[in-house]
Structure formats: structure tokens, C-alpha cells
PDB file of all heavy atoms in Angstrom:
ATOM      1  N   ASN A   1      27.539  -8.548   8.705  1.00  0.00           N
ATOM      2  CA  ASN A   1      28.767  -9.279   8.389  1.00  0.00           C
ATOM      3  C   ASN A   1      28.698  -9.967   7.033  1.00  0.00           C
ATOM      4  O   ASN A   1      29.564 -10.780   6.701  1.00  0.00           O
ATOM      5  CB  ASN A   1      29.038 -10.303   9.488  1.00  0.00           C
ATOM      6  CG  ASN A   1      29.087  -9.658  10.853  1.00  0.00           C
ATOM      7  OD1 ASN A   1      29.831  -8.717  11.067  1.00  0.00           O
ATOM      8  ND2 ASN A   1      28.280 -10.158  11.776  1.00  0.00           N
ATOM      9  N   GLY A   2      27.672  -9.626   6.259  1.00  0.00           N
ATOM     10  CA  GLY A   2      27.564 -10.168   4.909  1.00  0.00           C
ATOM     11  C   GLY A   2      27.065 -11.588   4.830  1.00  0.00           C
ATOM     12  O   GLY A   2      27.338 -12.286   3.848  1.00  0.00           O
ATOM     13  N   CYS A   3      26.337 -12.047   5.868  1.00  0.00           N
ATOM     14  CA  CYS A   3      25.875 -13.430   5.878  1.00  0.00           C
ATOM     15  C   CYS A   3      24.477 -13.598   5.280  1.00  0.00           C
ATOM     16  O   CYS A   3      23.893 -14.673   5.383  1.00  0.00           O
ATOM     17  CB  CYS A   3      25.891 -13.982   7.302  1.00  0.00           C
ATOM     18  SG  CYS A   3      27.562 -14.072   8.016  1.00  0.00           S
ATOM     19  N   GLY A   4      23.921 -12.563   4.676  1.00  0.00           N
ATOM     20  CA  GLY A   4      22.644 -12.715   3.989  1.00  0.00           C
ATOM     21  C   GLY A   4      21.631 -11.660   4.380  1.00  0.00           C
ATOM     22  O   GLY A   4      21.774 -10.959   5.394  1.00  0.00           O
ATOM     23  N   THR A   5      20.573 -11.541   3.539  1.00  0.00           N
ATOM     24  CA  THR A   5      19.511 -10.564   3.761  1.00  0.00           C
ATOM     25  C   THR A   5      18.163 -11.258   3.655  1.00  0.00           C
ATOM     26  O   THR A   5      17.896 -12.004   2.707  1.00  0.00           O
ATOM     27  CB  THR A   5      19.582  -9.435   2.726  1.00  0.00           C
ATOM     28  OG1 THR A   5      20.855  -8.782   2.817  1.00  0.00           O
ATOM     29  CG2 THR A   5      18.494  -8.394   2.964  1.00  0.00           C
ATOM     30  N   ALA A   6      17.312 -11.033   4.653  1.00  0.00           N
ATOM     31  CA  ALA A   6      15.948 -11.548   4.641  1.00  0.00           C
ATOM     32  C   ALA A   6      15.009 -10.441   4.187  1.00  0.00           C
ATOM     33  O   ALA A   6      15.204  -9.262   4.540  1.00  0.00           O
ATOM     34  CB  ALA A   6      15.554 -12.045   6.027  1.00  0.00           C
ATOM     35  N   THR A   7      13.992 -10.785   3.380  1.00  0.00           N
ATOM     36  CA  THR A   7      13.066  -9.778   2.848  1.00  0.00           C
ATOM     37  C   THR A   7      11.625 -10.220   3.076  1.00  0.00           C
ATOM     38  O   THR A   7      11.331 -11.412   3.191  1.00  0.00           O
ATOM     39  CB  THR A   7      13.299  -9.544   1.347  1.00  0.00           C
ATOM     40  OG1 THR A   7      13.042 -10.758   0.641  1.00  0.00           O
ATOM     41  CG2 THR A   7      14.727  -9.110   1.085  1.00  0.00           C
ATOM     42  N   ASN A   8      10.744  -9.240   3.113  1.00  0.00           N
ATOM     43  CA  ASN A   8       9.310  -9.491   3.204  1.00  0.00           C
ATOM     44  C   ASN A   8       8.577  -8.225   2.776  1.00  0.00           C
ATOM     45  O   ASN A   8       9.160  -7.138   2.791  1.00  0.00           O
ATOM     46  CB  ASN A   8       8.904  -9.880   4.629  1.00  0.00           C
ATOM     47  CG  ASN A   8       7.659 -10.728   4.653  1.00  0.00           C
ATOM     48  OD1 ASN A   8       6.872 -10.735   3.703  1.00  0.00           O
ATOM     49  ND2 ASN A   8       7.477 -11.454   5.747  1.00  0.00           N
ATOM     50  N   GLU A   9       7.327  -8.371   2.376  1.00  0.00           N
ATOM     51  CA  GLU A   9       6.526  -7.231   1.975  1.00  0.00           C
ATOM     52  C   GLU A   9       5.505  -6.907   3.059  1.00  0.00           C
ATOM     53  O   GLU A   9       5.016  -7.799   3.749  1.00  0.00           O
ATOM     54  CB  GLU A   9       5.794  -7.511   0.656  1.00  0.00           C
ATOM     55  CG  GLU A   9       6.701  -7.553  -0.556  1.00  0.00           C
ATOM     56  CD  GLU A   9       5.913  -7.752  -1.837  1.00  0.00           C
ATOM     57  OE1 GLU A   9       4.723  -8.133  -1.737  1.00  0.00           O
ATOM     58  OE2 GLU A   9       6.467  -7.518  -2.918  1.00  0.00           O
ATOM     59  N   VAL A  10       5.212  -5.634   3.197  1.00  0.00           N
ATOM     60  CA  VAL A  10       4.205  -5.212   4.152  1.00  0.00           C
ATOM     61  C   VAL A  10       3.432  -4.049   3.540  1.00  0.00           C
ATOM     62  O   VAL A  10       3.989  -3.262   2.755  1.00  0.00           O
ATOM     63  CB  VAL A  10       4.834  -4.812   5.499  1.00  0.00           C
ATOM     64  CG1 VAL A  10       5.691  -3.562   5.366  1.00  0.00           C
ATOM     65  CG2 VAL A  10       3.761  -4.603   6.555  1.00  0.00           C
ATOM     66  N   TYR A  11       2.147  -3.951   3.886  1.00  0.00           N
ATOM     67  CA  TYR A  11       1.288  -2.896   3.356  1.00  0.00           C
ATOM     68  C   TYR A  11       0.683  -2.124   4.513  1.00  0.00           C
ATOM     69  O   TYR A  11       0.100  -2.714   5.432  1.00  0.00           O
ATOM     70  CB  TYR A  11       0.178  -3.494   2.486  1.00  0.00           C
ATOM     71  CG  TYR A  11       0.708  -4.237   1.288  1.00  0.00           C
ATOM     72  CD1 TYR A  11       1.025  -5.597   1.373  1.00  0.00           C
ATOM     73  CD2 TYR A  11       0.914  -3.582   0.083  1.00  0.00           C
ATOM     74  CE1 TYR A  11       1.525  -6.280   0.282  1.00  0.00           C
ATOM     75  CE2 TYR A  11       1.412  -4.266  -1.025  1.00  0.00           C
ATOM     76  CZ  TYR A  11       1.712  -5.613  -0.913  1.00  0.00           C
ATOM     77  OH  TYR A  11       2.209  -6.275  -1.997  1.00  0.00           O
ATOM     78  N   LEU A  12       0.854  -0.825   4.458  1.00  0.00           N
ATOM     79  CA  LEU A  12       0.234   0.060   5.435  1.00  0.00           C
ATOM     80  C   LEU A  12      -1.080   0.553   4.844  1.00  0.00           C
ATOM     81  O   LEU A  12      -1.095   1.241   3.826  1.00  0.00           O
ATOM     82  CB  LEU A  12       1.160   1.236   5.756  1.00  0.00           C
ATOM     83  CG  LEU A  12       2.530   0.856   6.333  1.00  0.00           C
ATOM     84  CD1 LEU A  12       3.352   2.109   6.612  1.00  0.00           C
ATOM     85  CD2 LEU A  12       2.384   0.039   7.610  1.00  0.00           C
ATOM     86  N   LEU A  13      -2.201   0.142   5.474  1.00  0.00           N
ATOM     87  CA  LEU A  13      -3.513   0.413   4.919  1.00  0.00           C
ATOM     88  C   LEU A  13      -3.979   1.838   5.211  1.00  0.00           C
ATOM     89  O   LEU A  13      -3.611   2.438   6.224  1.00  0.00           O
ATOM     90  CB  LEU A  13      -4.527  -0.578   5.484  1.00  0.00           C
ATOM     91  CG  LEU A  13      -4.223  -2.068   5.251  1.00  0.00           C
ATOM     92  CD1 LEU A  13      -5.360  -2.903   5.779  1.00  0.00           C
ATOM     93  CD2 LEU A  13      -3.946  -2.349   3.789  1.00  0.00           C
ATOM     94  N   MET A  14      -4.764   2.353   4.320  1.00  0.00           N
ATOM     95  CA  MET A  14      -5.410   3.658   4.485  1.00  0.00           C
ATOM     96  C   MET A  14      -6.688   3.649   3.660  1.00  0.00           C
ATOM     97  O   MET A  14      -6.854   2.817   2.765  1.00  0.00           O
ATOM     98  CB  MET A  14      -4.462   4.790   4.052  1.00  0.00           C
ATOM     99  CG  MET A  14      -4.949   6.186   4.387  1.00  0.00           C
ATOM    100  SD  MET A  14      -5.408   6.328   6.136  1.00  0.00           S
ATOM    101  CE  MET A  14      -6.071   7.983   6.174  1.00  0.00           C
ATOM    102  N   PHE A  15      -7.603   4.544   3.944  1.00  0.00           N
ATOM    103  CA  PHE A  15      -8.872   4.585   3.242  1.00  0.00           C
ATOM    104  C   PHE A  15      -9.102   5.989   2.670  1.00  0.00           C
ATOM    105  O   PHE A  15      -8.653   6.978   3.246  1.00  0.00           O
ATOM    106  CB  PHE A  15     -10.019   4.203   4.186  1.00  0.00           C
ATOM    107  CG  PHE A  15     -10.202   5.166   5.320  1.00  0.00           C
ATOM    108  CD1 PHE A  15     -11.121   6.219   5.224  1.00  0.00           C
ATOM    109  CD2 PHE A  15      -9.474   5.031   6.490  1.00  0.00           C
ATOM    110  CE1 PHE A  15     -11.293   7.108   6.270  1.00  0.00           C
ATOM    111  CE2 PHE A  15      -9.641   5.924   7.537  1.00  0.00           C
ATOM    112  CZ  PHE A  15     -10.548   6.978   7.433  1.00  0.00           C
ATOM    113  N   PRO A  16      -9.799   6.073   1.556  1.00  0.00           N
ATOM    114  CA  PRO A  16     -10.167   7.395   1.030  1.00  0.00           C
ATOM    115  C   PRO A  16     -11.160   8.069   1.977  1.00  0.00           C
ATOM    116  O   PRO A  16     -12.112   7.433   2.441  1.00  0.00           O
ATOM    117  CB  PRO A  16     -10.804   7.085  -0.322  1.00  0.00           C
ATOM    118  CG  PRO A  16     -10.374   5.690  -0.651  1.00  0.00           C
ATOM    119  CD  PRO A  16     -10.208   4.985   0.650  1.00  0.00           C
ATOM    120  N   ARG A  17     -10.974   9.309   2.249  1.00  0.00           N
ATOM    121  CA  ARG A  17     -11.862  10.030   3.155  1.00  0.00           C
ATOM    122  C   ARG A  17     -13.161  10.451   2.458  1.00  0.00           C
ATOM    123  O   ARG A  17     -14.137  10.822   3.120  1.00  0.00           O
ATOM    124  CB  ARG A  17     -11.150  11.233   3.749  1.00  0.00           C
ATOM    125  CG  ARG A  17      -9.914  10.812   4.557  1.00  0.00           C
ATOM    126  CD  ARG A  17      -9.297  11.971   5.297  1.00  0.00           C
ATOM    127  NE  ARG A  17      -8.073  11.566   5.983  1.00  0.00           N
ATOM    128  CZ  ARG A  17      -8.028  10.962   7.165  1.00  0.00           C
ATOM    129  NH1 ARG A  17      -9.161  10.659   7.779  1.00  0.00           N
ATOM    130  NH2 ARG A  17      -6.876  10.641   7.725  1.00  0.00           N
ATOM    131  N   PHE A  18     -13.120  10.383   1.136  1.00  0.00           N
ATOM    132  CA  PHE A  18     -14.358  10.625   0.387  1.00  0.00           C
ATOM    133  C   PHE A  18     -14.220   9.987  -0.984  1.00  0.00           C
ATOM    134  O   PHE A  18     -13.112   9.651  -1.420  1.00  0.00           O
ATOM    135  CB  PHE A  18     -14.630  12.131   0.254  1.00  0.00           C
ATOM    136  CG  PHE A  18     -13.660  12.840  -0.641  1.00  0.00           C
ATOM    137  CD1 PHE A  18     -13.917  12.995  -2.003  1.00  0.00           C
ATOM    138  CD2 PHE A  18     -12.465  13.337  -0.129  1.00  0.00           C
ATOM    139  CE1 PHE A  18     -13.018  13.647  -2.833  1.00  0.00           C
ATOM    140  CE2 PHE A  18     -11.560  13.989  -0.961  1.00  0.00           C
ATOM    141  CZ  PHE A  18     -11.831  14.130  -2.310  1.00  0.00           C
ATOM    142  N   PHE A  19     -15.383   9.799  -1.670  1.00  0.00           N
ATOM    143  CA  PHE A  19     -15.349   9.404  -3.065  1.00  0.00           C
ATOM    144  C   PHE A  19     -16.562  10.001  -3.777  1.00  0.00           C
ATOM    145  O   PHE A  19     -17.553  10.409  -3.139  1.00  0.00           O
ATOM    146  CB  PHE A  19     -15.265   7.886  -3.207  1.00  0.00           C
ATOM    147  CG  PHE A  19     -16.561   7.144  -2.988  1.00  0.00           C
ATOM    148  CD1 PHE A  19     -17.142   6.404  -4.020  1.00  0.00           C
ATOM    149  CD2 PHE A  19     -17.207   7.175  -1.754  1.00  0.00           C
ATOM    150  CE1 PHE A  19     -18.327   5.709  -3.817  1.00  0.00           C
ATOM    151  CE2 PHE A  19     -18.368   6.467  -1.549  1.00  0.00           C
ATOM    152  CZ  PHE A  19     -18.942   5.733  -2.576  1.00  0.00           C
ATOM    153  N   THR A  20     -16.452  10.090  -5.105  1.00  0.00           N
ATOM    154  CA  THR A  20     -17.469  10.770  -5.924  1.00  0.00           C
ATOM    155  C   THR A  20     -17.882   9.855  -7.074  1.00  0.00           C
ATOM    156  O   THR A  20     -17.333   9.939  -8.177  1.00  0.00           O
ATOM    157  CB  THR A  20     -16.915  12.096  -6.468  1.00  0.00           C
ATOM    158  OG1 THR A  20     -15.737  11.820  -7.219  1.00  0.00           O
ATOM    159  CG2 THR A  20     -16.596  13.065  -5.352  1.00  0.00           C
ATOM    160  N   PRO A  21     -18.864   8.978  -6.852  1.00  0.00           N
ATOM    161  CA  PRO A  21     -19.271   8.029  -7.887  1.00  0.00           C
ATOM    162  C   PRO A  21     -20.174   8.683  -8.949  1.00  0.00           C
ATOM    163  O   PRO A  21     -21.384   8.401  -9.035  1.00  0.00           O
ATOM    164  CB  PRO A  21     -20.025   6.976  -7.078  1.00  0.00           C
ATOM    165  CG  PRO A  21     -20.594   7.717  -5.916  1.00  0.00           C
ATOM    166  CD  PRO A  21     -19.613   8.782  -5.578  1.00  0.00           C
ATOM    167  N   ASN A  22     -19.566   9.552  -9.759  1.00  0.00           N
ATOM    168  CA  ASN A  22     -20.337  10.254 -10.781  1.00  0.00           C
ATOM    169  C   ASN A  22     -19.979   9.818 -12.199  1.00  0.00           C
ATOM    170  O   ASN A  22     -20.428  10.436 -13.175  1.00  0.00           O
ATOM    171  CB  ASN A  22     -20.154  11.765 -10.638  1.00  0.00           C
ATOM    172  CG  ASN A  22     -18.681  12.160 -10.636  1.00  0.00           C
ATOM    173  OD1 ASN A  22     -17.829  11.377 -11.050  1.00  0.00           O
ATOM    174  ND2 ASN A  22     -18.386  13.370 -10.147  1.00  0.00           N
ATOM    175  N   GLY A  23     -19.162   8.779 -12.329  1.00  0.00           N
ATOM    176  CA  GLY A  23     -18.841   8.238 -13.632  1.00  0.00           C
ATOM    177  C   GLY A  23     -17.821   9.014 -14.435  1.00  0.00           C
ATOM    178  O   GLY A  23     -17.623   8.729 -15.624  1.00  0.00           O
ATOM    179  N   ASP A  24     -17.113   9.946 -13.783  1.00  0.00           N
ATOM    180  CA  ASP A  24     -16.110  10.717 -14.527  1.00  0.00           C
ATOM    181  C   ASP A  24     -14.751  10.025 -14.554  1.00  0.00           C
ATOM    182  O   ASP A  24     -13.784  10.555 -15.102  1.00  0.00           O
ATOM    183  CB  ASP A  24     -15.981  12.123 -13.962  1.00  0.00           C
ATOM    184  CG  ASP A  24     -15.470  12.138 -12.524  1.00  0.00           C
ATOM    185  OD1 ASP A  24     -15.262  11.033 -11.941  1.00  0.00           O
ATOM    186  OD2 ASP A  24     -15.272  13.239 -11.962  1.00  0.00           O
ATOM    187  N   GLY A  25     -14.639   8.866 -13.941  1.00  0.00           N
ATOM    188  CA  GLY A  25     -13.379   8.135 -13.941  1.00  0.00           C
ATOM    189  C   GLY A  25     -12.450   8.499 -12.803  1.00  0.00           C
ATOM    190  O   GLY A  25     -11.365   7.933 -12.705  1.00  0.00           O
TER     191      GLY A  25
END
């Protein structure tokens, strides 16, 4: 009815299934 909007932020977490620490960036 146009009486206002409430907002909030939310983060959906996830993890890398692998990583390669070889210094290539």
C-alpha cells in the first residue's frame, strides 16, 4: 500500500572446494 520498505543484507556462505597455493595469483 506504499507505506514503506524495510531492507537488510544477508550473505549465503560457501567455501572453495579446492585451492592451489602456488603463487600464481
